[in-house]
N, C-alpha and C. Protein backbone atom coordinates (compact mmCIF):
# COMPACT_ATOMS: atom_id res chain seq x y z
N MET A 1 3.74 26.22 9.00
CA MET A 1 3.96 25.19 8.23
C MET A 1 3.62 25.17 6.78
N ASP A 2 4.55 24.73 5.74
CA ASP A 2 4.72 25.22 5.08
C ASP A 2 3.64 24.27 3.93
N MET A 3 2.73 24.71 2.99
CA MET A 3 1.90 24.26 2.41
C MET A 3 2.21 23.34 1.14
N ASP A 4 3.32 24.08 0.46
CA ASP A 4 4.57 22.98 -0.51
C ASP A 4 4.30 21.15 0.34
N ALA A 5 4.91 21.57 1.59
CA ALA A 5 5.12 20.35 1.85
C ALA A 5 3.87 19.73 1.70
N ILE A 6 3.27 19.91 2.38
CA ILE A 6 1.46 19.44 2.78
C ILE A 6 1.24 18.56 1.17
N ALA A 7 1.42 19.78 0.17
CA ALA A 7 0.74 19.19 -1.30
C ALA A 7 1.74 18.30 -1.16
N ARG A 8 3.08 18.32 -1.50
CA ARG A 8 3.91 17.07 -1.59
C ARG A 8 3.75 15.78 -1.00
N ALA A 9 3.49 15.68 0.34
CA ALA A 9 2.93 14.63 1.00
C ALA A 9 1.08 13.78 0.44
N GLN A 10 0.83 14.96 0.36
CA GLN A 10 -0.78 14.57 -0.37
C GLN A 10 -0.32 13.58 -2.02
N GLN A 11 0.26 14.65 -2.23
CA GLN A 11 0.56 13.71 -3.94
C GLN A 11 1.11 12.23 -3.61
N ARG A 12 2.05 12.21 -2.93
CA ARG A 12 2.87 11.07 -2.75
C ARG A 12 1.71 10.28 -2.01
N ILE A 13 0.77 10.37 -1.18
CA ILE A 13 -0.18 9.32 -1.29
C ILE A 13 -0.95 8.58 -1.97
N GLU A 14 -1.09 9.91 -2.88
CA GLU A 14 -2.31 9.76 -4.22
C GLU A 14 -1.45 8.91 -5.27
N ASP A 15 0.05 9.09 -5.06
CA ASP A 15 0.67 8.20 -6.12
C ASP A 15 0.70 6.69 -5.68
N ALA A 16 0.75 6.53 -4.58
CA ALA A 16 0.90 5.11 -3.72
C ALA A 16 -0.33 4.86 -3.66
N ALA A 17 -1.65 5.28 -4.01
CA ALA A 17 -2.69 4.97 -3.43
C ALA A 17 -3.14 4.33 -5.09
N ALA A 18 -2.36 4.71 -6.22
CA ALA A 18 -2.71 4.72 -7.44
C ALA A 18 -2.24 3.34 -7.99
N GLY A 19 -0.98 2.88 -7.05
CA GLY A 19 -0.31 2.03 -7.39
C GLY A 19 -0.71 0.50 -6.96
N ARG A 20 -1.79 0.77 -6.54
CA ARG A 20 -2.24 -0.53 -6.33
C ARG A 20 -2.82 -1.37 -7.19
N THR A 21 -2.66 -3.01 -7.24
CA THR A 21 -2.81 -3.55 -8.11
C THR A 21 -3.81 -4.14 -8.13
N ASP A 22 -4.29 -4.11 -9.52
CA ASP A 22 -5.91 -4.33 -9.73
C ASP A 22 -6.35 -6.02 -9.96
N PRO A 23 -7.15 -6.09 -8.60
CA PRO A 23 -7.32 -7.26 -8.56
C PRO A 23 -7.78 -8.35 -9.93
N ALA A 24 -8.27 -7.65 -10.70
CA ALA A 24 -9.20 -8.68 -11.60
C ALA A 24 -7.69 -8.80 -12.86
N ALA A 25 -6.73 -7.88 -12.74
CA ALA A 25 -5.58 -8.59 -13.34
C ALA A 25 -4.77 -9.71 -12.45
N PHE A 26 -4.50 -9.44 -11.21
CA PHE A 26 -4.52 -10.75 -10.50
C PHE A 26 -4.98 -11.80 -10.39
N ASP A 27 -6.07 -11.72 -10.77
CA ASP A 27 -6.79 -13.37 -10.93
C ASP A 27 -6.86 -13.43 -12.25
N ALA A 28 -6.93 -12.94 -13.13
CA ALA A 28 -6.39 -13.10 -14.63
C ALA A 28 -5.20 -14.24 -14.83
N ALA A 29 -3.92 -13.33 -13.94
CA ALA A 29 -2.57 -13.76 -13.65
C ALA A 29 -2.68 -15.39 -13.08
N LEU A 30 -3.34 -15.69 -12.22
CA LEU A 30 -3.98 -16.54 -11.44
C LEU A 30 -4.58 -17.81 -12.31
N GLY A 31 -5.08 -17.34 -13.19
CA GLY A 31 -6.34 -18.18 -14.05
C GLY A 31 -5.54 -18.92 -15.33
N ARG A 32 -4.49 -18.00 -15.56
CA ARG A 32 -3.41 -18.58 -16.75
C ARG A 32 -2.35 -19.17 -16.06
N ALA A 33 -2.42 -19.13 -15.16
CA ALA A 33 -1.16 -20.24 -13.98
C ALA A 33 -2.23 -21.83 -13.76
N ARG A 34 -2.86 -21.17 -13.57
CA ARG A 34 -3.99 -22.74 -12.87
C ARG A 34 -4.27 -23.34 -14.63
N SER A 35 -4.41 -22.55 -15.73
CA SER A 35 -4.35 -23.20 -17.02
C SER A 35 -3.18 -23.82 -17.55
N ALA A 36 -2.15 -23.06 -17.25
CA ALA A 36 -0.69 -24.19 -17.76
C ALA A 36 -0.59 -25.32 -16.85
N VAL A 37 -1.01 -25.01 -15.62
CA VAL A 37 -0.86 -26.39 -15.16
C VAL A 37 -2.07 -27.64 -15.38
N GLU A 38 -2.90 -26.96 -15.80
CA GLU A 38 -4.03 -28.05 -16.60
C GLU A 38 -3.22 -28.50 -17.87
N SER A 39 -2.97 -28.08 -18.62
CA SER A 39 -1.99 -28.05 -20.06
C SER A 39 -0.76 -29.00 -19.70
N LEU A 40 -0.06 -28.97 -18.62
CA LEU A 40 0.85 -30.12 -18.27
C LEU A 40 0.22 -31.01 -17.77
N ALA A 41 -0.98 -31.25 -17.36
CA ALA A 41 -1.19 -32.44 -16.70
C ALA A 41 -1.92 -33.32 -18.19
N ALA A 42 -3.12 -32.63 -18.55
CA ALA A 42 -2.95 -33.09 -19.87
C ALA A 42 -2.08 -33.98 -20.72
N THR A 43 -0.76 -33.10 -20.46
CA THR A 43 0.11 -33.55 -21.77
C THR A 43 0.86 -34.85 -21.41
N THR A 44 0.62 -34.96 -19.70
CA THR A 44 1.38 -35.88 -19.21
C THR A 44 0.58 -37.18 -19.06
N ALA A 45 -0.64 -37.05 -18.95
CA ALA A 45 -1.92 -37.79 -19.27
C ALA A 45 -1.42 -38.61 -20.87
N ARG A 46 -1.53 -37.90 -21.66
CA ARG A 46 -1.37 -38.21 -22.93
C ARG A 46 0.16 -39.05 -23.43
N PHE A 47 1.09 -38.48 -22.62
CA PHE A 47 2.54 -39.21 -23.02
C PHE A 47 2.27 -40.47 -21.79
N GLU A 48 1.58 -40.52 -20.58
CA GLU A 48 1.60 -41.59 -20.25
C GLU A 48 0.76 -42.86 -21.07
N ALA A 49 -0.79 -42.68 -21.72
CA ALA A 49 -0.98 -43.11 -22.62
C ALA A 49 -0.61 -44.12 -23.84
N GLY A 50 0.39 -42.95 -24.09
CA GLY A 50 1.43 -43.52 -24.98
C GLY A 50 2.23 -44.93 -24.89
N LEU A 51 3.05 -44.76 -23.61
CA LEU A 51 4.02 -46.01 -23.32
C LEU A 51 3.33 -47.42 -23.35
N PRO A 52 4.10 -48.23 -24.09
CA PRO A 52 2.99 -49.78 -23.98
C PRO A 52 3.32 -50.09 -22.88
N ALA A 53 2.31 -50.64 -22.45
CA ALA A 53 1.89 -51.53 -21.06
C ALA A 53 3.19 -51.90 -20.35
N ALA A 54 4.06 -52.89 -21.16
CA ALA A 54 4.93 -53.59 -20.59
C ALA A 54 6.18 -52.25 -19.68
N ILE A 55 6.35 -51.50 -20.56
CA ILE A 55 7.18 -50.26 -20.11
C ILE A 55 6.24 -50.02 -18.58
N GLU A 56 4.91 -49.72 -19.06
CA GLU A 56 4.54 -49.03 -18.08
C GLU A 56 4.33 -49.55 -16.81
N ASP A 57 4.39 -51.47 -16.48
CA ASP A 57 4.57 -52.19 -15.55
C ASP A 57 5.65 -51.67 -15.02
N GLY A 58 6.96 -52.18 -15.66
CA GLY A 58 7.89 -51.96 -15.23
C GLY A 58 8.53 -50.61 -14.50
N LEU A 59 7.50 -49.33 -15.15
CA LEU A 59 7.82 -47.75 -14.56
C LEU A 59 7.69 -48.07 -13.27
N ARG A 60 5.97 -48.64 -13.10
CA ARG A 60 5.33 -48.80 -11.81
C ARG A 60 6.16 -48.97 -10.75
N GLN A 61 6.43 -50.26 -11.04
CA GLN A 61 7.16 -51.44 -9.79
C GLN A 61 8.74 -50.61 -9.28
N HIS A 62 8.98 -50.06 -10.75
CA HIS A 62 10.34 -49.03 -10.38
C HIS A 62 10.36 -48.08 -9.44
N PHE A 63 9.22 -46.77 -9.61
CA PHE A 63 9.17 -45.63 -9.23
C PHE A 63 8.03 -45.45 -8.47
N ARG A 64 7.12 -46.25 -7.73
CA ARG A 64 6.25 -46.82 -7.05
C ARG A 64 6.87 -45.53 -5.80
N PRO A 65 7.82 -45.58 -5.22
CA PRO A 65 7.88 -44.74 -3.71
C PRO A 65 8.11 -43.82 -4.43
N SER A 66 8.90 -43.25 -5.76
CA SER A 66 8.85 -42.05 -6.22
C SER A 66 7.63 -41.54 -6.28
N ALA A 67 6.86 -41.91 -6.75
CA ALA A 67 5.50 -41.48 -6.95
C ALA A 67 4.86 -40.97 -5.73
N ARG A 68 5.22 -41.73 -4.74
CA ARG A 68 4.23 -40.98 -3.42
C ARG A 68 5.24 -40.24 -2.86
N HIS A 69 5.66 -40.00 -3.38
CA HIS A 69 7.21 -38.97 -2.61
C HIS A 69 6.54 -37.61 -3.64
N LEU A 70 6.71 -38.11 -4.96
CA LEU A 70 6.13 -36.65 -5.89
C LEU A 70 4.57 -36.10 -5.33
N ALA A 71 4.08 -37.19 -5.03
CA ALA A 71 2.26 -36.13 -4.61
C ALA A 71 2.52 -35.83 -3.84
N GLU A 72 3.53 -36.09 -2.87
CA GLU A 72 3.79 -35.34 -1.26
C GLU A 72 4.08 -33.99 -1.76
N VAL A 73 5.25 -34.06 -2.81
CA VAL A 73 6.03 -32.43 -3.03
C VAL A 73 4.63 -31.86 -3.61
N ARG A 74 3.86 -32.64 -4.91
CA ARG A 74 3.31 -31.38 -5.44
C ARG A 74 1.94 -31.08 -4.21
N GLY A 75 1.46 -31.84 -3.21
CA GLY A 75 0.34 -31.71 -2.20
C GLY A 75 1.30 -30.18 -1.59
N LEU A 76 2.73 -30.27 -0.85
CA LEU A 76 2.79 -29.33 -0.71
C LEU A 76 3.51 -28.23 -1.09
N THR A 77 3.18 -28.42 -2.30
CA THR A 77 3.82 -27.12 -3.40
C THR A 77 2.55 -26.35 -3.42
N ASN A 78 1.46 -27.09 -3.41
CA ASN A 78 -0.15 -26.10 -3.51
C ASN A 78 -0.24 -25.83 -2.37
N GLN A 79 0.04 -26.26 -1.11
CA GLN A 79 -0.19 -25.66 0.57
C GLN A 79 1.19 -24.13 0.63
N VAL A 80 1.88 -24.32 -0.07
CA VAL A 80 2.64 -23.02 -0.22
C VAL A 80 2.07 -21.89 -0.71
N ILE A 81 1.20 -22.63 -2.07
CA ILE A 81 1.21 -21.55 -3.24
C ILE A 81 -0.02 -20.78 -2.52
N ARG A 82 -0.94 -21.81 -2.19
CA ARG A 82 -2.31 -21.04 -1.13
C ARG A 82 -1.72 -20.08 -0.13
N ARG A 83 -1.02 -20.76 0.77
CA ARG A 83 -0.26 -19.95 1.87
C ARG A 83 0.03 -18.27 1.31
N LEU A 84 1.14 -18.42 0.10
CA LEU A 84 1.95 -17.23 -0.38
C LEU A 84 0.92 -16.41 -0.90
N GLU A 85 -0.41 -17.04 -1.61
CA GLU A 85 -1.44 -15.98 -2.38
C GLU A 85 -2.35 -15.24 -0.92
N ARG A 86 -2.35 -15.73 0.00
CA ARG A 86 -3.03 -15.20 1.04
C ARG A 86 -2.03 -14.46 1.87
N MET A 87 -0.58 -14.50 1.70
CA MET A 87 -0.34 -13.39 2.40
C MET A 87 0.31 -12.15 1.63
N GLU A 88 0.25 -12.56 0.07
CA GLU A 88 -0.12 -11.45 -0.85
C GLU A 88 -1.10 -10.38 -0.84
N GLY A 89 -1.96 -11.11 -0.07
CA GLY A 89 -3.19 -10.14 -0.13
C GLY A 89 -3.39 -9.95 1.07
N ASP A 90 -2.94 -10.27 2.13
CA ASP A 90 -2.99 -9.59 3.43
C ASP A 90 -1.80 -8.37 3.49
N LEU A 91 -0.45 -8.73 2.77
CA LEU A 91 0.44 -7.57 2.99
C LEU A 91 -0.21 -6.53 2.03
N LEU A 92 -0.88 -6.87 1.03
CA LEU A 92 -1.65 -5.35 0.27
C LEU A 92 -2.72 -5.25 0.63
N ALA A 93 -3.41 -5.40 1.67
CA ALA A 93 -4.60 -4.67 2.12
C ALA A 93 -3.80 -4.00 3.50
N GLU A 94 -2.85 -4.21 4.06
CA GLU A 94 -2.26 -3.69 5.30
C GLU A 94 -1.72 -2.50 5.08
N ARG A 95 -1.12 -2.59 3.30
CA ARG A 95 -0.36 -1.56 2.66
C ARG A 95 -1.02 -0.32 2.23
N HIS A 96 -2.57 -0.81 1.86
CA HIS A 96 -3.35 0.16 1.58
C HIS A 96 -3.78 0.46 2.99
N ALA A 97 -4.03 0.26 3.82
CA ALA A 97 -4.48 0.46 5.08
C ALA A 97 -3.29 1.35 5.81
N ARG A 98 -2.20 1.36 5.71
CA ARG A 98 -1.28 2.43 6.36
C ARG A 98 -1.02 3.42 5.01
N VAL A 99 -1.24 3.37 3.98
CA VAL A 99 -1.53 4.63 3.23
C VAL A 99 -2.59 5.72 3.48
N ASP A 100 -4.24 4.98 3.99
CA ASP A 100 -4.98 5.45 4.09
C ASP A 100 -4.88 6.50 5.16
N ASP A 101 -4.15 4.79 6.25
CA ASP A 101 -3.55 6.46 7.69
C ASP A 101 -3.15 7.41 7.67
N LEU A 102 -1.93 7.15 6.36
CA LEU A 102 -1.27 8.48 5.84
C LEU A 102 -1.97 9.33 5.56
N ALA A 103 -2.70 9.30 4.77
CA ALA A 103 -3.36 10.54 4.15
C ALA A 103 -4.07 11.12 5.52
N LEU A 104 -4.99 10.41 6.35
CA LEU A 104 -5.92 11.02 7.15
C LEU A 104 -4.73 11.39 8.20
N LEU A 105 -3.54 11.45 8.15
CA LEU A 105 -2.93 11.71 9.22
C LEU A 105 -2.43 13.13 8.54
N VAL A 106 -2.19 13.17 7.52
CA VAL A 106 -1.54 14.43 6.85
C VAL A 106 -2.77 15.56 6.70
N ASP A 107 -4.00 15.26 6.25
CA ASP A 107 -5.11 16.03 6.56
C ASP A 107 -5.31 16.17 7.52
N LEU A 108 -5.11 15.62 8.41
CA LEU A 108 -5.01 16.38 10.03
C LEU A 108 -4.04 17.37 10.27
N ILE A 109 -2.93 17.19 9.97
CA ILE A 109 -2.45 17.45 10.19
C ILE A 109 -2.37 19.47 9.59
N ALA A 110 -2.53 19.15 8.13
CA ALA A 110 -3.05 20.15 7.47
C ALA A 110 -4.14 21.09 8.07
N SER A 111 -4.79 20.66 8.43
CA SER A 111 -6.22 21.07 9.24
C SER A 111 -6.19 22.03 10.36
N GLY A 112 -4.47 21.08 10.82
CA GLY A 112 -4.01 21.59 12.11
C GLY A 112 -3.63 23.00 12.11
N TRP A 113 -2.72 23.26 11.11
CA TRP A 113 -1.67 24.18 10.91
C TRP A 113 -2.77 25.67 10.35
N ARG A 114 -3.78 25.15 9.41
CA ARG A 114 -4.82 25.84 9.12
C ARG A 114 -5.44 26.93 9.92
N SER A 115 -5.62 25.92 10.88
CA SER A 115 -6.43 26.45 12.48
C SER A 115 -5.88 27.27 13.60
N VAL A 116 -4.38 27.13 13.10
CA VAL A 116 -3.22 27.83 13.96
C VAL A 116 -3.09 28.96 13.10
N GLU A 117 -2.91 28.95 11.82
CA GLU A 117 -2.78 30.13 11.16
C GLU A 117 -4.07 30.55 11.22
N SER A 118 -5.05 30.55 11.46
CA SER A 118 -6.39 31.48 11.70
C SER A 118 -5.82 32.13 12.96
N CYS A 119 -5.87 31.39 14.13
CA CYS A 119 -5.76 31.95 15.29
C CYS A 119 -4.82 32.97 15.02
N VAL A 120 -3.63 33.15 14.53
CA VAL A 120 -2.51 33.92 14.71
C VAL A 120 -2.82 35.40 14.16
N ARG A 121 -3.67 35.18 12.87
CA ARG A 121 -4.25 36.08 11.80
C ARG A 121 -5.14 36.50 13.05
N SER A 122 -6.12 36.23 13.90
CA SER A 122 -7.25 36.65 14.52
C SER A 122 -6.33 37.43 15.92
N VAL A 123 -5.54 37.03 16.41
CA VAL A 123 -4.88 37.67 17.28
C VAL A 123 -3.85 38.85 17.05
N GLU A 124 -3.37 38.68 15.31
CA GLU A 124 -2.48 40.14 15.28
C GLU A 124 -3.91 40.67 15.06
N GLU A 125 -5.05 40.58 14.45
CA GLU A 125 -5.53 41.78 13.93
C GLU A 125 -6.22 42.49 15.70
N ARG A 126 -6.73 41.61 16.24
CA ARG A 126 -6.40 42.29 17.77
C ARG A 126 -5.71 43.42 18.30
N LEU A 127 -4.47 42.98 18.16
CA LEU A 127 -3.62 43.95 18.41
C LEU A 127 -3.00 45.11 17.63
N VAL A 128 -3.73 44.80 16.46
CA VAL A 128 -3.92 46.13 15.56
C VAL A 128 -4.11 46.81 15.95
N LYS A 129 -5.97 46.63 16.38
CA LYS A 129 -6.90 47.31 16.59
C LYS A 129 -6.35 47.98 18.35
N LEU A 130 -5.94 47.06 19.02
CA LEU A 130 -5.59 47.67 20.12
C LEU A 130 -4.76 48.82 20.26
N GLU A 131 -3.54 48.50 19.47
CA GLU A 131 -2.42 49.60 19.32
C GLU A 131 -3.17 51.00 18.33
N GLU A 132 -4.29 50.72 17.79
CA GLU A 132 -5.17 51.99 17.17
C GLU A 132 -5.49 52.71 18.05
N GLY A 133 -6.56 51.79 18.71
CA GLY A 133 -7.10 52.53 19.67
C GLY A 133 -6.22 53.34 20.91
N LEU A 134 -5.51 52.79 20.94
CA LEU A 134 -4.26 53.22 22.26
C LEU A 134 -3.57 54.82 21.13
N THR A 135 -3.17 54.65 20.17
CA THR A 135 -2.11 55.73 19.47
C THR A 135 -3.60 56.42 19.13
N ARG A 136 -4.90 56.79 19.23
CA ARG A 136 -5.79 57.38 19.56
C ARG A 136 -6.01 58.02 20.63
N ASP A 137 -5.75 57.15 21.30
CA ASP A 137 -6.16 58.09 22.92
C ASP A 137 -4.81 58.69 23.05
N GLY A 138 -3.68 58.86 22.46
CA GLY A 138 -2.29 59.46 22.64
C GLY A 138 -1.46 58.61 23.39
N ALA A 139 -1.53 57.15 23.55
CA ALA A 139 -0.51 56.43 23.85
C ALA A 139 0.62 56.88 23.05
N VAL A 140 1.74 56.06 23.06
CA VAL A 140 2.59 56.08 22.67
C VAL A 140 3.06 53.90 22.92
N VAL A 141 2.82 53.56 21.66
CA VAL A 141 2.71 51.91 21.37
C VAL A 141 3.88 51.52 21.10
N TYR A 142 4.91 50.90 21.79
CA TYR A 142 6.36 50.28 21.02
C TYR A 142 6.23 48.87 21.10
N SER A 143 6.64 48.66 19.45
CA SER A 143 6.75 46.94 19.08
C SER A 143 7.59 46.57 19.44
N LEU A 144 7.75 45.19 19.27
CA LEU A 144 8.91 44.04 20.01
C LEU A 144 9.50 44.16 18.60
N GLU A 145 9.24 44.41 17.45
CA GLU A 145 9.97 44.24 16.30
C GLU A 145 11.15 45.55 16.52
N ASP A 146 10.49 46.69 16.86
CA ASP A 146 11.70 47.99 16.66
C ASP A 146 12.35 47.56 17.69
N ARG A 147 11.74 47.70 19.04
CA ARG A 147 12.95 47.07 20.18
C ARG A 147 14.03 46.38 19.70
N GLN A 148 13.87 45.20 19.07
CA GLN A 148 15.20 44.24 18.71
C GLN A 148 15.59 44.77 17.55
N ALA A 149 15.30 45.37 16.47
CA ALA A 149 16.08 46.06 15.86
C ALA A 149 16.80 46.73 16.10
N GLY A 150 16.68 48.02 17.04
CA GLY A 150 16.74 48.94 17.83
C GLY A 150 17.73 48.92 18.40
């Protein structure tokens, strides 16, 4: 296993974890949007207050059905906004969970390879000791590398 590949994978996971959205920034943006909507409502109220009563009555009679439709559209829009906010939060939480799962998986694979490398070193050390003992006793030891090269 290439240790550079493990290091690159861990760096990518750290970069992805660093890209998480700051909840305070999200709340601040949401607050700004709400204040803008409230400002728009206040401006509309001032505009309505400034119309002459005769024009207001005529507009009410003419646009009464439209006002109901507009109220429905406003309600549906608010519902869509709430659902989108909930979906965004769910998707963000899911993404962070997957990044955390990936980090755990990379750590497990890396530790497994370290364990395998340790076992291989241990087996190699034992083989070297056996070969040394056999050559000390006068036996001829042939290595596979020598046979394959020859």
